[in-house]
N, C-alpha and C. Protein backbone atom coordinates (compact mmCIF):
# COMPACT_ATOMS: atom_id res chain seq x y z
N MET A 1 172.11 146.83 119.57
CA MET A 1 171.19 146.25 120.46
C MET A 1 169.85 146.95 120.44
N ASN A 2 169.91 148.11 120.23
CA ASN A 2 168.67 148.85 120.18
C ASN A 2 167.75 148.34 119.06
N GLN A 3 168.44 147.92 118.07
CA GLN A 3 167.65 147.44 116.96
C GLN A 3 166.95 146.14 117.33
N SER A 4 167.52 145.32 118.08
CA SER A 4 166.89 144.08 118.45
C SER A 4 165.72 144.30 119.42
N LEU A 5 165.69 145.41 120.01
CA LEU A 5 164.63 145.67 120.95
C LEU A 5 163.41 146.30 120.28
N ILE A 6 163.49 146.49 119.04
CA ILE A 6 162.36 147.12 118.36
C ILE A 6 161.23 146.08 118.29
N LYS A 7 160.05 146.57 118.56
CA LYS A 7 158.90 145.69 118.57
C LYS A 7 158.47 145.40 117.13
N PRO A 8 158.12 144.17 116.91
CA PRO A 8 157.59 143.86 115.58
C PRO A 8 156.22 144.55 115.36
N PRO A 9 155.84 144.81 114.12
CA PRO A 9 154.56 145.49 113.92
C PRO A 9 153.40 144.60 114.38
N VAL A 10 152.37 145.20 114.91
CA VAL A 10 151.22 144.48 115.48
C VAL A 10 150.34 143.96 114.34
N LYS A 11 150.05 142.70 114.37
CA LYS A 11 149.20 142.10 113.35
C LYS A 11 147.73 142.36 113.67
N LYS A 12 146.93 142.43 112.60
CA LYS A 12 145.50 142.59 112.80
C LYS A 12 144.91 141.27 113.33
N ASN A 13 143.83 141.40 114.07
CA ASN A 13 143.16 140.20 114.56
C ASN A 13 142.53 139.44 113.36
N THR A 14 142.64 138.15 113.37
CA THR A 14 142.10 137.36 112.29
C THR A 14 140.59 137.23 112.48
N ILE A 15 139.88 137.36 111.39
CA ILE A 15 138.42 137.22 111.39
C ILE A 15 138.11 135.81 110.90
N PRO A 16 137.38 135.04 111.71
CA PRO A 16 137.09 133.66 111.29
C PRO A 16 136.15 133.64 110.08
N ILE A 17 136.39 132.73 109.18
CA ILE A 17 135.56 132.56 108.00
C ILE A 17 134.32 131.75 108.42
N ASP A 18 133.16 132.17 107.95
CA ASP A 18 131.91 131.46 108.27
C ASP A 18 131.90 130.14 107.47
N LEU A 19 132.05 129.06 108.16
CA LEU A 19 132.11 127.75 107.48
C LEU A 19 130.70 127.19 107.33
N LYS A 20 130.42 126.60 106.18
CA LYS A 20 129.12 125.93 105.96
C LYS A 20 129.42 124.47 105.82
N LEU A 21 129.19 123.73 106.90
CA LEU A 21 129.45 122.30 106.89
C LEU A 21 128.26 121.56 106.25
N HIS A 22 128.55 120.49 105.54
CA HIS A 22 127.51 119.72 104.88
C HIS A 22 126.54 119.13 105.92
N SER A 23 127.05 118.73 107.06
CA SER A 23 126.21 118.16 108.09
C SER A 23 125.22 119.21 108.63
N ASP A 24 125.60 120.47 108.69
CA ASP A 24 124.66 121.52 109.13
C ASP A 24 123.56 121.71 108.11
N ILE A 25 123.97 121.72 106.81
CA ILE A 25 122.95 121.87 105.74
C ILE A 25 121.98 120.69 105.77
N ARG A 26 122.48 119.47 105.94
CA ARG A 26 121.63 118.29 106.02
C ARG A 26 120.71 118.35 107.24
N ALA A 27 121.18 118.87 108.35
CA ALA A 27 120.36 118.99 109.56
C ALA A 27 119.19 119.93 109.30
N VAL A 28 119.43 121.06 108.62
CA VAL A 28 118.36 122.00 108.31
C VAL A 28 117.34 121.35 107.36
N GLU A 29 117.83 120.66 106.31
CA GLU A 29 116.92 120.00 105.37
C GLU A 29 116.10 118.92 106.05
N HIS A 30 116.73 118.17 106.95
CA HIS A 30 116.02 117.12 107.66
C HIS A 30 114.97 117.70 108.57
N ALA A 31 115.26 118.82 109.21
CA ALA A 31 114.26 119.48 110.07
C ALA A 31 113.06 119.92 109.24
N ARG A 32 113.30 120.48 108.04
CA ARG A 32 112.18 120.85 107.15
C ARG A 32 111.37 119.64 106.76
N PHE A 33 112.07 118.56 106.39
CA PHE A 33 111.38 117.34 105.99
C PHE A 33 110.54 116.78 107.13
N ALA A 34 111.10 116.74 108.34
CA ALA A 34 110.36 116.23 109.51
C ALA A 34 109.13 117.07 109.77
N HIS A 35 109.24 118.38 109.58
CA HIS A 35 108.12 119.28 109.76
C HIS A 35 107.01 119.00 108.71
N GLN A 36 107.43 118.77 107.45
CA GLN A 36 106.47 118.45 106.41
C GLN A 36 105.76 117.14 106.67
N VAL A 37 106.51 116.13 107.13
CA VAL A 37 105.91 114.83 107.42
C VAL A 37 104.92 114.96 108.57
N ALA A 38 105.27 115.72 109.60
CA ALA A 38 104.35 115.91 110.75
C ALA A 38 103.12 116.66 110.28
N GLU A 39 103.25 117.64 109.43
CA GLU A 39 102.11 118.40 108.93
C GLU A 39 101.19 117.49 108.10
N LYS A 40 101.78 116.69 107.24
CA LYS A 40 101.01 115.77 106.43
C LYS A 40 100.27 114.73 107.28
N GLY A 41 100.96 114.20 108.29
CA GLY A 41 100.31 113.25 109.20
C GLY A 41 99.15 113.89 109.95
N ARG A 42 99.33 115.11 110.35
CA ARG A 42 98.26 115.83 111.06
C ARG A 42 97.06 116.04 110.13
N LEU A 43 97.32 116.38 108.86
CA LEU A 43 96.23 116.59 107.89
C LEU A 43 95.49 115.27 107.61
N ILE A 44 96.26 114.19 107.50
CA ILE A 44 95.62 112.88 107.26
C ILE A 44 94.76 112.49 108.46
N LYS A 45 95.27 112.70 109.63
CA LYS A 45 94.51 112.37 110.85
C LYS A 45 93.23 113.20 110.92
N GLN A 46 93.35 114.47 110.60
CA GLN A 46 92.17 115.35 110.60
C GLN A 46 91.16 114.91 109.54
N TYR A 47 91.64 114.53 108.37
CA TYR A 47 90.75 114.06 107.30
C TYR A 47 90.02 112.79 107.72
N LYS A 48 90.76 111.85 108.36
CA LYS A 48 90.16 110.60 108.82
C LYS A 48 89.08 110.87 109.87
N MET A 49 89.37 111.78 110.79
CA MET A 49 88.40 112.09 111.84
C MET A 49 87.15 112.71 111.20
N GLU A 50 87.32 113.59 110.24
CA GLU A 50 86.17 114.22 109.56
C GLU A 50 85.36 113.17 108.81
N ARG A 51 86.06 112.25 108.12
CA ARG A 51 85.36 111.20 107.37
C ARG A 51 84.59 110.28 108.31
N ASP A 52 85.20 109.91 109.45
CA ASP A 52 84.54 109.06 110.43
C ASP A 52 83.31 109.76 111.02
N ARG A 53 83.44 111.07 111.24
CA ARG A 53 82.32 111.82 111.79
C ARG A 53 81.16 111.85 110.79
N GLN A 54 81.50 112.09 109.50
CA GLN A 54 80.46 112.11 108.46
C GLN A 54 79.79 110.73 108.34
N GLN A 55 80.59 109.67 108.39
CA GLN A 55 80.04 108.32 108.29
C GLN A 55 79.13 108.02 109.46
N LYS A 56 79.51 108.44 110.63
CA LYS A 56 78.70 108.22 111.81
C LYS A 56 77.35 108.95 111.70
N LEU A 57 77.41 110.19 111.21
CA LEU A 57 76.16 110.96 111.00
C LEU A 57 75.26 110.28 109.96
N GLU A 58 75.86 109.79 108.88
CA GLU A 58 75.07 109.10 107.87
C GLU A 58 74.43 107.82 108.41
N GLU A 59 75.20 107.07 109.21
CA GLU A 59 74.65 105.86 109.82
C GLU A 59 73.49 106.19 110.76
N GLU A 60 73.64 107.25 111.53
CA GLU A 60 72.58 107.62 112.47
C GLU A 60 71.32 108.03 111.70
N GLU A 61 71.51 108.78 110.58
CA GLU A 61 70.34 109.17 109.77
C GLU A 61 69.70 107.93 109.15
N GLU A 62 70.51 106.99 108.71
CA GLU A 62 69.98 105.75 108.12
C GLU A 62 69.21 104.96 109.17
N ILE A 63 69.72 104.90 110.39
CA ILE A 63 69.02 104.19 111.47
C ILE A 63 67.68 104.86 111.77
N LYS A 64 67.68 106.20 111.82
CA LYS A 64 66.43 106.92 112.05
C LYS A 64 65.41 106.66 110.96
N ARG A 65 65.89 106.67 109.69
CA ARG A 65 65.00 106.45 108.56
C ARG A 65 64.44 105.02 108.61
N LEU A 66 65.31 104.03 108.92
CA LEU A 66 64.83 102.64 108.98
C LEU A 66 63.85 102.45 110.13
N ARG A 67 64.08 103.12 111.25
CA ARG A 67 63.14 102.98 112.38
C ARG A 67 61.77 103.53 112.02
N LYS A 68 61.77 104.63 111.25
CA LYS A 68 60.47 105.19 110.83
C LYS A 68 59.78 104.27 109.82
N GLU A 69 60.55 103.70 108.92
CA GLU A 69 59.95 102.84 107.89
C GLU A 69 59.49 101.51 108.46
N LEU A 70 60.22 100.97 109.41
CA LEU A 70 59.95 99.62 109.89
C LEU A 70 58.96 99.57 111.07
N ILE A 71 58.29 100.66 111.32
CA ILE A 71 57.26 100.65 112.36
C ILE A 71 56.14 99.75 111.87
N PRO A 72 55.77 98.76 112.67
CA PRO A 72 54.67 97.89 112.23
C PRO A 72 53.36 98.68 112.10
N LYS A 73 52.72 98.49 110.93
CA LYS A 73 51.48 99.23 110.69
C LYS A 73 50.37 98.21 110.58
N THR A 74 49.18 98.59 111.01
CA THR A 74 48.05 97.69 110.96
C THR A 74 47.55 97.55 109.53
N GLN A 75 46.99 96.39 109.23
CA GLN A 75 46.42 96.16 107.92
C GLN A 75 44.93 96.49 107.96
N LEU A 76 44.45 96.99 106.87
CA LEU A 76 43.04 97.35 106.81
C LEU A 76 42.17 96.09 106.85
N MET A 77 41.02 96.25 107.38
CA MET A 77 40.06 95.12 107.45
C MET A 77 39.57 94.83 106.03
N PRO A 78 39.47 93.55 105.71
CA PRO A 78 38.94 93.22 104.37
C PRO A 78 37.45 93.56 104.30
N TYR A 79 37.02 93.80 103.07
CA TYR A 79 35.60 94.10 102.86
C TYR A 79 34.82 92.80 102.76
N PHE A 80 33.97 92.55 103.79
CA PHE A 80 33.18 91.32 103.77
C PHE A 80 31.84 91.51 103.09
N ASP A 81 31.50 92.74 102.79
CA ASP A 81 30.23 92.94 102.10
C ASP A 81 30.33 92.57 100.63
N ARG A 82 31.54 92.49 100.07
CA ARG A 82 31.78 92.01 98.70
C ARG A 82 32.63 90.77 98.79
N PRO A 83 32.02 89.59 98.94
CA PRO A 83 32.86 88.40 99.09
C PRO A 83 33.58 88.05 97.79
N PHE A 84 34.67 87.34 97.94
CA PHE A 84 35.48 86.95 96.80
C PHE A 84 34.84 85.75 96.12
N VAL A 85 34.63 85.88 94.82
CA VAL A 85 34.07 84.78 94.02
C VAL A 85 35.11 84.43 92.97
N PRO A 86 35.66 83.22 93.06
CA PRO A 86 36.68 82.85 92.07
C PRO A 86 36.07 82.65 90.70
N ARG A 87 36.81 83.06 89.66
CA ARG A 87 36.36 82.92 88.27
C ARG A 87 37.21 81.89 87.57
N ARG A 88 36.64 81.32 86.55
CA ARG A 88 37.39 80.36 85.76
C ARG A 88 38.48 81.06 84.98
N SER A 89 39.60 80.39 84.83
CA SER A 89 40.71 80.97 84.10
C SER A 89 40.39 81.01 82.61
N GLU A 90 40.87 82.02 81.95
CA GLU A 90 40.65 82.16 80.51
C GLU A 90 41.75 81.47 79.70
N LYS A 91 42.78 81.00 80.35
CA LYS A 91 43.88 80.32 79.66
C LYS A 91 43.47 78.90 79.29
N GLN A 92 44.07 78.40 78.25
CA GLN A 92 43.83 77.01 77.83
C GLN A 92 44.61 76.08 78.77
N PRO A 93 44.06 74.92 79.13
CA PRO A 93 44.81 74.00 79.97
C PRO A 93 45.97 73.40 79.20
N THR A 94 46.99 73.04 79.92
CA THR A 94 48.17 72.44 79.29
C THR A 94 47.88 71.02 78.87
N VAL A 95 48.53 70.58 77.77
CA VAL A 95 48.34 69.25 77.26
C VAL A 95 49.48 68.39 77.79
N PRO A 96 49.17 67.30 78.49
CA PRO A 96 50.25 66.46 79.01
C PRO A 96 50.95 65.72 77.86
N ARG A 97 52.25 65.53 78.00
CA ARG A 97 53.03 64.81 76.99
C ARG A 97 53.69 63.61 77.65
N GLU A 98 53.94 62.60 76.86
CA GLU A 98 54.65 61.44 77.34
C GLU A 98 56.12 61.78 77.51
N PRO A 99 56.76 61.34 78.55
CA PRO A 99 58.20 61.62 78.68
C PRO A 99 59.00 60.74 77.71
N LYS A 100 60.12 61.26 77.26
CA LYS A 100 60.96 60.52 76.30
C LYS A 100 62.02 59.74 77.11
N PHE A 101 61.84 58.41 77.13
CA PHE A 101 62.77 57.58 77.85
C PHE A 101 63.83 56.99 76.96
N CYS A 102 63.67 57.09 75.63
CA CYS A 102 64.67 56.49 74.74
C CYS A 102 65.88 57.39 74.61
N ILE A 103 67.03 56.73 74.44
CA ILE A 103 68.28 57.47 74.27
C ILE A 103 68.55 57.55 72.76
N PRO A 104 68.90 58.71 72.24
CA PRO A 104 69.18 58.81 70.80
C PRO A 104 70.27 57.85 70.37
N ARG A 105 70.21 57.41 69.13
CA ARG A 105 71.12 56.38 68.63
C ARG A 105 72.58 56.80 68.72
N HIS A 106 72.89 58.05 68.38
CA HIS A 106 74.29 58.47 68.39
C HIS A 106 74.87 58.50 69.81
N LYS A 107 74.06 58.81 70.80
CA LYS A 107 74.55 58.79 72.18
C LYS A 107 74.77 57.38 72.67
N LYS A 108 73.88 56.47 72.26
CA LYS A 108 73.99 55.10 72.68
C LYS A 108 75.30 54.48 72.16
N ILE A 109 75.62 54.76 70.91
CA ILE A 109 76.82 54.21 70.32
C ILE A 109 78.05 54.79 71.00
N LYS A 110 77.99 56.07 71.32
CA LYS A 110 79.13 56.74 71.96
C LYS A 110 79.39 56.08 73.31
N CYS A 111 78.33 55.79 74.06
CA CYS A 111 78.50 55.16 75.36
C CYS A 111 79.05 53.74 75.23
N CYS A 112 78.57 53.01 74.23
CA CYS A 112 79.06 51.63 74.03
C CYS A 112 80.52 51.61 73.65
N ARG A 113 80.93 52.57 72.83
CA ARG A 113 82.33 52.62 72.43
C ARG A 113 83.24 52.82 73.64
N MET A 114 82.78 53.63 74.55
CA MET A 114 83.61 53.90 75.72
C MET A 114 83.74 52.66 76.60
N SER A 115 82.63 51.90 76.72
CA SER A 115 82.68 50.75 77.62
C SER A 115 83.14 49.48 76.94
N CYS A 116 83.11 49.44 75.60
CA CYS A 116 83.43 48.21 74.86
C CYS A 116 84.72 48.39 74.05
N ASN A 117 85.70 49.03 74.57
CA ASN A 117 86.95 49.23 73.82
C ASN A 117 87.65 47.92 73.53
N ASP A 118 87.53 46.93 74.43
CA ASP A 118 88.27 45.69 74.23
C ASP A 118 87.57 44.70 73.31
N MET A 119 86.36 45.01 72.81
CA MET A 119 85.63 44.10 71.89
C MET A 119 86.34 44.12 70.54
N SER A 120 86.18 43.02 69.84
CA SER A 120 86.95 42.84 68.59
C SER A 120 86.37 43.61 67.42
N GLY A 121 85.08 43.74 67.26
CA GLY A 121 84.57 44.39 66.06
C GLY A 121 83.16 44.91 66.21
N PRO A 122 82.64 45.58 65.15
CA PRO A 122 81.29 46.13 65.23
C PRO A 122 80.18 45.10 65.23
N SER A 123 80.49 43.86 64.84
CA SER A 123 79.44 42.83 64.84
C SER A 123 78.96 42.55 66.23
N GLN A 124 79.86 42.53 67.21
CA GLN A 124 79.45 42.32 68.62
C GLN A 124 78.71 43.51 69.16
N LEU A 125 79.01 44.71 68.64
CA LEU A 125 78.35 45.94 69.10
C LEU A 125 76.87 45.92 68.75
N GLN A 126 76.51 45.32 67.61
CA GLN A 126 75.12 45.29 67.17
C GLN A 126 74.31 44.32 68.04
N HIS A 127 74.95 43.28 68.59
CA HIS A 127 74.23 42.27 69.36
C HIS A 127 73.97 42.71 70.81
N LEU A 128 74.51 43.85 71.22
CA LEU A 128 74.24 44.31 72.59
C LEU A 128 72.83 44.84 72.68
N PRO A 129 72.01 44.37 73.62
CA PRO A 129 70.65 44.89 73.75
C PRO A 129 70.67 46.29 74.36
N SER A 130 69.88 47.20 73.81
CA SER A 130 69.84 48.56 74.34
C SER A 130 68.94 48.59 75.59
N SER A 131 69.01 49.68 76.29
CA SER A 131 68.22 49.80 77.53
C SER A 131 66.73 49.85 77.20
N VAL A 132 66.36 50.39 76.04
CA VAL A 132 64.95 50.44 75.64
C VAL A 132 64.46 49.03 75.34
N GLU A 133 65.29 48.26 74.63
CA GLU A 133 64.91 46.89 74.31
C GLU A 133 64.76 46.05 75.58
N LYS A 134 65.66 46.27 76.55
CA LYS A 134 65.54 45.56 77.82
C LYS A 134 64.25 45.92 78.52
N ALA A 135 63.91 47.22 78.52
CA ALA A 135 62.69 47.65 79.21
C ALA A 135 61.46 47.07 78.51
N GLU A 136 61.48 47.03 77.18
CA GLU A 136 60.33 46.47 76.44
C GLU A 136 60.19 44.98 76.76
N ALA A 137 61.31 44.24 76.83
CA ALA A 137 61.28 42.81 77.10
C ALA A 137 60.73 42.56 78.52
N LEU A 138 61.15 43.35 79.50
CA LEU A 138 60.64 43.20 80.86
C LEU A 138 59.13 43.49 80.90
N TYR A 139 58.71 44.49 80.17
CA TYR A 139 57.29 44.88 80.15
C TYR A 139 56.44 43.75 79.56
N LYS A 140 56.94 43.17 78.45
CA LYS A 140 56.22 42.07 77.82
C LYS A 140 56.13 40.86 78.76
N ASN A 141 57.22 40.57 79.45
CA ASN A 141 57.24 39.45 80.39
C ASN A 141 56.23 39.65 81.52
N ARG A 142 56.07 40.84 81.99
CA ARG A 142 55.14 41.13 83.09
C ARG A 142 53.69 40.98 82.59
N ILE A 143 53.43 41.40 81.39
CA ILE A 143 52.09 41.31 80.82
C ILE A 143 51.70 39.83 80.62
N LEU A 144 52.63 39.04 80.13
CA LEU A 144 52.34 37.64 79.85
C LEU A 144 52.14 36.84 81.14
N GLN A 145 52.70 37.27 82.23
CA GLN A 145 52.61 36.46 83.47
C GLN A 145 51.33 36.70 84.16
């Protein structure tokens, strides 16, 4: 019986192993990423503010410059002691030309072909009076009357 009363040897306390969970690693990486994004956003905002400030200064300088330039200034009085005497031009006068009212032959035929597709042959095409011939006939009729 004595033997059964012997105490078992005392075990050492267990030391917990430091666990590295994937979710903890991801949380740290995400925190770094969020910090980088916030820093970048802050830099962009600062850059935009600086650019807007520079643009505003440039616009103000441009307005000041335009106001100085656009001040109405008086014109000098003309000299009446030396009156203006116009001189004849040294250029040769232009020679008037008659306008060309006739249509070239190749254009006239092209127009007739388009409008006379249903005609049977070239013999009818020759009998069509041209616009110049019509104008000449009207002119002769007016002179004779």
